[in-house]
Structures are given as structure tokens and as C-alpha cells.
C-alpha atoms as a PDB file:
ATOM      1  CA  UNK A   1     -11.787  -4.843   7.732  1.00  0.00           C
ATOM      2  CA  UNK A   2     -14.016  -3.799  10.587  1.00  0.00           C
ATOM      3  CA  UNK A   3     -17.351  -2.379   9.599  1.00  0.00           C
ATOM      4  CA  UNK A   4     -16.848   0.974  11.346  1.00  0.00           C
ATOM      5  CA  UNK A   5     -13.479   1.713   9.736  1.00  0.00           C
ATOM      6  CA  UNK A   6     -14.642   0.485   6.326  1.00  0.00           C
ATOM      7  CA  UNK A   7     -17.712   2.718   6.581  1.00  0.00           C
ATOM      8  CA  UNK A   8     -15.608   5.706   7.655  1.00  0.00           C
ATOM      9  CA  UNK A   9     -13.184   5.265   4.737  1.00  0.00           C
ATOM     10  CA  UNK A  10     -16.067   4.859   2.270  1.00  0.00           C
ATOM     11  CA  UNK A  11     -17.911   7.909   3.635  1.00  0.00           C
ATOM     12  CA  UNK A  12     -14.776  10.086   3.519  1.00  0.00           C
ATOM     13  CA  UNK A  13     -14.018   9.047  -0.053  1.00  0.00           C
ATOM     14  CA  UNK A  14     -17.629   9.458  -1.173  1.00  0.00           C
ATOM     15  CA  UNK A  15     -17.996  12.907   0.397  1.00  0.00           C
ATOM     16  CA  UNK A  16     -14.787  14.126  -1.177  1.00  0.00           C
ATOM     17  CA  UNK A  17     -15.771  12.748  -4.581  1.00  0.00           C
ATOM     18  CA  UNK A  18     -19.156  14.469  -4.375  1.00  0.00           C
ATOM     19  CA  UNK A  19     -17.554  17.754  -3.329  1.00  0.00           C
ATOM     20  CA  UNK A  20     -15.075  17.565  -6.184  1.00  0.00           C
ATOM     21  CA  UNK A  21     -17.776  16.656  -8.704  1.00  0.00           C
ATOM     22  CA  UNK A  22     -20.121  19.414  -7.546  1.00  0.00           C
ATOM     23  CA  UNK A  23     -17.425  22.071  -7.597  1.00  0.00           C
ATOM     24  CA  UNK A  24     -15.920  20.952 -10.889  1.00  0.00           C
ATOM     25  CA  UNK A  25     -18.950  21.639 -13.097  1.00  0.00           C
ATOM     26  CA  UNK A  26     -19.520  20.151 -16.541  1.00  0.00           C
ATOM     27  CA  UNK A  27     -16.625  21.830 -18.406  1.00  0.00           C
ATOM     28  CA  UNK A  28     -13.943  20.895 -15.871  1.00  0.00           C
ATOM     29  CA  UNK A  29     -15.281  17.369 -15.371  1.00  0.00           C
ATOM     30  CA  UNK A  30     -14.725  16.566 -19.047  1.00  0.00           C
ATOM     31  CA  UNK A  31     -11.026  17.402 -18.926  1.00  0.00           C
ATOM     32  CA  UNK A  32     -10.085  15.516 -15.744  1.00  0.00           C
ATOM     33  CA  UNK A  33     -10.365  11.951 -14.544  1.00  0.00           C
ATOM     34  CA  UNK A  34     -10.932  11.783 -10.777  1.00  0.00           C
ATOM     35  CA  UNK A  35     -10.037   8.596  -8.900  1.00  0.00           C
ATOM     36  CA  UNK A  36     -10.175   7.358  -5.322  1.00  0.00           C
ATOM     37  CA  UNK A  37      -8.136   4.524  -3.940  1.00  0.00           C
ATOM     38  CA  UNK A  38      -8.500   2.992  -0.487  1.00  0.00           C
ATOM     39  CA  UNK A  39      -6.719   0.316   1.450  1.00  0.00           C
ATOM     40  CA  UNK A  40      -6.677  -1.410   4.780  1.00  0.00           C
ATOM     41  CA  UNK A  41      -3.975  -3.247   6.720  1.00  0.00           C
ATOM     42  CA  UNK A  42      -5.731  -6.561   7.341  1.00  0.00           C
ATOM     43  CA  UNK A  43      -2.719  -8.092   9.097  1.00  0.00           C
ATOM     44  CA  UNK A  44      -3.955  -6.677  12.393  1.00  0.00           C
ATOM     45  CA  UNK A  45      -7.724  -6.577  11.802  1.00  0.00           C
ATOM     46  CA  UNK A  46      -7.648  -3.336   9.753  1.00  0.00           C
ATOM     47  CA  UNK A  47      -5.700  -1.345  12.291  1.00  0.00           C
ATOM     48  CA  UNK A  48      -4.683   1.173   9.595  1.00  0.00           C
ATOM     49  CA  UNK A  49      -6.612   2.632   6.678  1.00  0.00           C
ATOM     50  CA  UNK A  50      -5.619   4.884   3.762  1.00  0.00           C
ATOM     51  CA  UNK A  51      -7.771   6.821   1.302  1.00  0.00           C
ATOM     52  CA  UNK A  52      -6.395   8.961  -1.533  1.00  0.00           C
ATOM     53  CA  UNK A  53      -8.169  11.154  -4.053  1.00  0.00           C
ATOM     54  CA  UNK A  54      -6.134  11.885  -7.175  1.00  0.00           C
ATOM     55  CA  UNK A  55      -6.772  13.317 -10.628  1.00  0.00           C
ATOM     56  CA  UNK A  56      -5.221  13.580 -14.057  1.00  0.00           C
ATOM     57  CA  UNK A  57      -5.979  14.727 -17.562  1.00  0.00           C
ATOM     58  CA  UNK A  58      -6.846  11.957 -20.004  1.00  0.00           C
ATOM     59  CA  UNK A  59      -3.704  10.573 -21.634  1.00  0.00           C
ATOM     60  CA  UNK A  60      -1.397  12.187 -19.063  1.00  0.00           C
ATOM     61  CA  UNK A  61       1.341  10.285 -17.241  1.00  0.00           C
ATOM     62  CA  UNK A  62       1.104  12.687 -14.254  1.00  0.00           C
ATOM     63  CA  UNK A  63      -1.160  12.291 -11.231  1.00  0.00           C
ATOM     64  CA  UNK A  64      -2.225  15.125  -8.906  1.00  0.00           C
ATOM     65  CA  UNK A  65      -3.079  14.324  -5.287  1.00  0.00           C
ATOM     66  CA  UNK A  66      -6.044  16.292  -3.907  1.00  0.00           C
ATOM     67  CA  UNK A  67      -6.169  14.623  -0.498  1.00  0.00           C
ATOM     68  CA  UNK A  68      -4.726  11.846   1.630  1.00  0.00           C
ATOM     69  CA  UNK A  69      -6.582  10.387   4.614  1.00  0.00           C
ATOM     70  CA  UNK A  70      -5.004   8.169   7.302  1.00  0.00           C
ATOM     71  CA  UNK A  71      -7.149   6.298   9.841  1.00  0.00           C
ATOM     72  CA  UNK A  72      -6.166   4.117  12.780  1.00  0.00           C
ATOM     73  CA  UNK A  73      -8.446   2.059  14.991  1.00  0.00           C
ATOM     74  CA  UNK A  74      -8.021   2.838  18.671  1.00  0.00           C
ATOM     75  CA  UNK A  75      -9.840   2.690  21.956  1.00  0.00           C
ATOM     76  CA  UNK A  76      -7.245   4.619  23.920  1.00  0.00           C
ATOM     77  CA  UNK A  77      -6.994   8.306  24.760  1.00  0.00           C
ATOM     78  CA  UNK A  78      -3.425   8.417  23.515  1.00  0.00           C
ATOM     79  CA  UNK A  79      -2.697  11.085  20.912  1.00  0.00           C
ATOM     80  CA  UNK A  80      -1.498   9.775  17.564  1.00  0.00           C
ATOM     81  CA  UNK A  81       0.441  11.579  14.863  1.00  0.00           C
ATOM     82  CA  UNK A  82       0.468  10.567  11.217  1.00  0.00           C
ATOM     83  CA  UNK A  83       2.303  11.571   8.053  1.00  0.00           C
ATOM     84  CA  UNK A  84       2.207  10.615   4.422  1.00  0.00           C
ATOM     85  CA  UNK A  85       5.107   9.690   2.196  1.00  0.00           C
ATOM     86  CA  UNK A  86       5.614   9.149  -1.510  1.00  0.00           C
ATOM     87  CA  UNK A  87       7.950   7.124  -3.688  1.00  0.00           C
ATOM     88  CA  UNK A  88       8.226   7.864  -7.382  1.00  0.00           C
ATOM     89  CA  UNK A  89       8.828   4.851  -9.649  1.00  0.00           C
ATOM     90  CA  UNK A  90      12.471   3.755  -9.256  1.00  0.00           C
ATOM     91  CA  UNK A  91      13.128   6.435  -6.609  1.00  0.00           C
ATOM     92  CA  UNK A  92      13.555   6.705  -2.858  1.00  0.00           C
ATOM     93  CA  UNK A  93      10.775   7.381  -0.376  1.00  0.00           C
ATOM     94  CA  UNK A  94      10.218  11.027   0.677  1.00  0.00           C
ATOM     95  CA  UNK A  95       7.935  12.760   3.154  1.00  0.00           C
ATOM     96  CA  UNK A  96       4.882  14.247   1.438  1.00  0.00           C
ATOM     97  CA  UNK A  97       3.554  16.004   4.533  1.00  0.00           C
ATOM     98  CA  UNK A  98       5.090  16.002   7.988  1.00  0.00           C
ATOM     99  CA  UNK A  99       3.628  14.674  11.242  1.00  0.00           C
ATOM    100  CA  UNK A 100       0.108  15.884  11.999  1.00  0.00           C
ATOM    101  CA  UNK A 101      -1.962  15.158  15.092  1.00  0.00           C
ATOM    102  CA  UNK A 102      -4.816  12.794  14.287  1.00  0.00           C
ATOM    103  CA  UNK A 103      -8.342  13.760  15.340  1.00  0.00           C
ATOM    104  CA  UNK A 104     -10.034  11.439  17.835  1.00  0.00           C
ATOM    105  CA  UNK A 105     -13.419  10.084  16.752  1.00  0.00           C
ATOM    106  CA  UNK A 106     -13.766   7.681  19.688  1.00  0.00           C
ATOM    107  CA  UNK A 107     -13.129   4.323  18.050  1.00  0.00           C
ATOM    108  CA  UNK A 108     -10.669   5.583  15.446  1.00  0.00           C
ATOM    109  CA  UNK A 109      -8.183   8.396  14.843  1.00  0.00           C
ATOM    110  CA  UNK A 110      -7.945  10.282  11.558  1.00  0.00           C
ATOM    111  CA  UNK A 111      -5.443  12.654   9.989  1.00  0.00           C
ATOM    112  CA  UNK A 112      -6.114  14.193   6.610  1.00  0.00           C
ATOM    113  CA  UNK A 113      -4.341  16.500   4.224  1.00  0.00           C
ATOM    114  CA  UNK A 114      -6.420  18.385   1.663  1.00  0.00           C
ATOM    115  CA  UNK A 115      -5.718  20.613  -1.323  1.00  0.00           C
ATOM    116  CA  UNK A 116      -8.204  22.535  -3.450  1.00  0.00           C
ATOM    117  CA  UNK A 117      -9.941  20.837  -6.363  1.00  0.00           C
ATOM    118  CA  UNK A 118      -7.436  19.624  -8.949  1.00  0.00           C
ATOM    119  CA  UNK A 119      -4.622  21.218  -6.940  1.00  0.00           C
ATOM    120  CA  UNK A 120      -1.920  19.662  -4.824  1.00  0.00           C
ATOM    121  CA  UNK A 121       1.334  17.884  -5.515  1.00  0.00           C
ATOM    122  CA  UNK A 122       1.772  16.212  -8.912  1.00  0.00           C
ATOM    123  CA  UNK A 123       3.624  12.917  -9.307  1.00  0.00           C
ATOM    124  CA  UNK A 124       4.383  10.500 -12.139  1.00  0.00           C
ATOM    125  CA  UNK A 125       1.941   7.660 -12.763  1.00  0.00           C
ATOM    126  CA  UNK A 126       2.696   4.613 -10.532  1.00  0.00           C
ATOM    127  CA  UNK A 127       3.968   6.734  -7.636  1.00  0.00           C
ATOM    128  CA  UNK A 128       3.414   4.976  -4.321  1.00  0.00           C
ATOM    129  CA  UNK A 129       1.683   7.003  -1.542  1.00  0.00           C
ATOM    130  CA  UNK A 130       2.010   5.697   2.029  1.00  0.00           C
ATOM    131  CA  UNK A 131       0.716   6.647   5.464  1.00  0.00           C
ATOM    132  CA  UNK A 132       2.535   6.034   8.742  1.00  0.00           C
ATOM    133  CA  UNK A 133       1.669   6.631  12.391  1.00  0.00           C
ATOM    134  CA  UNK A 134       4.393   7.942  14.695  1.00  0.00           C
ATOM    135  CA  UNK A 135       5.982   5.196  16.763  1.00  0.00           C
ATOM    136  CA  UNK A 136       4.905   2.473  14.311  1.00  0.00           C
ATOM    137  CA  UNK A 137       7.149   1.153  11.573  1.00  0.00           C
ATOM    138  CA  UNK A 138       4.172  -0.217   9.615  1.00  0.00           C
ATOM    139  CA  UNK A 139       3.231   1.774   6.528  1.00  0.00           C
ATOM    140  CA  UNK A 140       0.187   1.307   4.357  1.00  0.00           C
ATOM    141  CA  UNK A 141       0.649   2.184   0.688  1.00  0.00           C
ATOM    142  CA  UNK A 142      -1.382   2.567  -2.502  1.00  0.00           C
ATOM    143  CA  UNK A 143      -0.174   3.225  -6.063  1.00  0.00           C
ATOM    144  CA  UNK A 144      -1.483   6.014  -8.284  1.00  0.00           C
ATOM    145  CA  UNK A 145      -2.599   4.195 -11.451  1.00  0.00           C
END
């Protein structure tokens, strides 16, 4: 994983976790478990990155997705579009959110989808969340544990 992309993914996840923790307050924090999961496609030198923030109540078999972040290394001025998909255990893959234009940060592109704290779509435990860039068949996926 390149240092810049790894740093960007870590910063995005850390900032979101701090924002969620600060907004949640002591009473809400006790009833929810907040998790972040990140991944990188190392096949092509970390060309793609995914970060997901999800939450659940202790003992629950459901997982709520607060945000999904898709990053792609690039040094071109070409516009990229990304989407995220989900696949429930034993089910088919579906589009979570449709194509969205990625923002250009110079050396990488980023598309993100955010919901309010402890809001957003709810899936069964072990649902697979994937990101994909338009024109590329490669997907990068993480599982909600």
C-alpha cells in the first residue's frame, strides 16, 4: 500500500470515528459498537482502497452502515465514477448506491457516501460491501463482522 493512500484511508476513518464518538455522547456510546474496516487492492500497488464505518447494538446480528469511502490512485485528469455494492450472506450482489463522481485530490480520487450517526442501511452480519470504479471490473470488498 502506498504511504499516501494508506494515510488518506487512515485519516478518513479516524476523522469519522472521532466525529461519531463526539456526537454520540456517553449514553449512546454504551448501547452501540462502532467499527471501521479498511482494505487495499495490493495486486496493482494499492490502486483501490475501501473504508467502511458500521455499527450495531451488542448481541445484534444486524449491522448498520454509516459511511462507505472509495479511493483510487491516479495521476490523470480523467474523471472517475464509483459506486458501492452489497451482498447479503447467501444472496446476490446489489447496488448500494449508484455511480457518483469521485473528487480529485491530485494523486488520488475519492467518492464517499455518508449517513447520519447510527443511521443508514442495515444489513445482516457477514454482509459483503464492495466498491467499484466505472470502467473497471475489479471490485474491492470487506465483510461486516
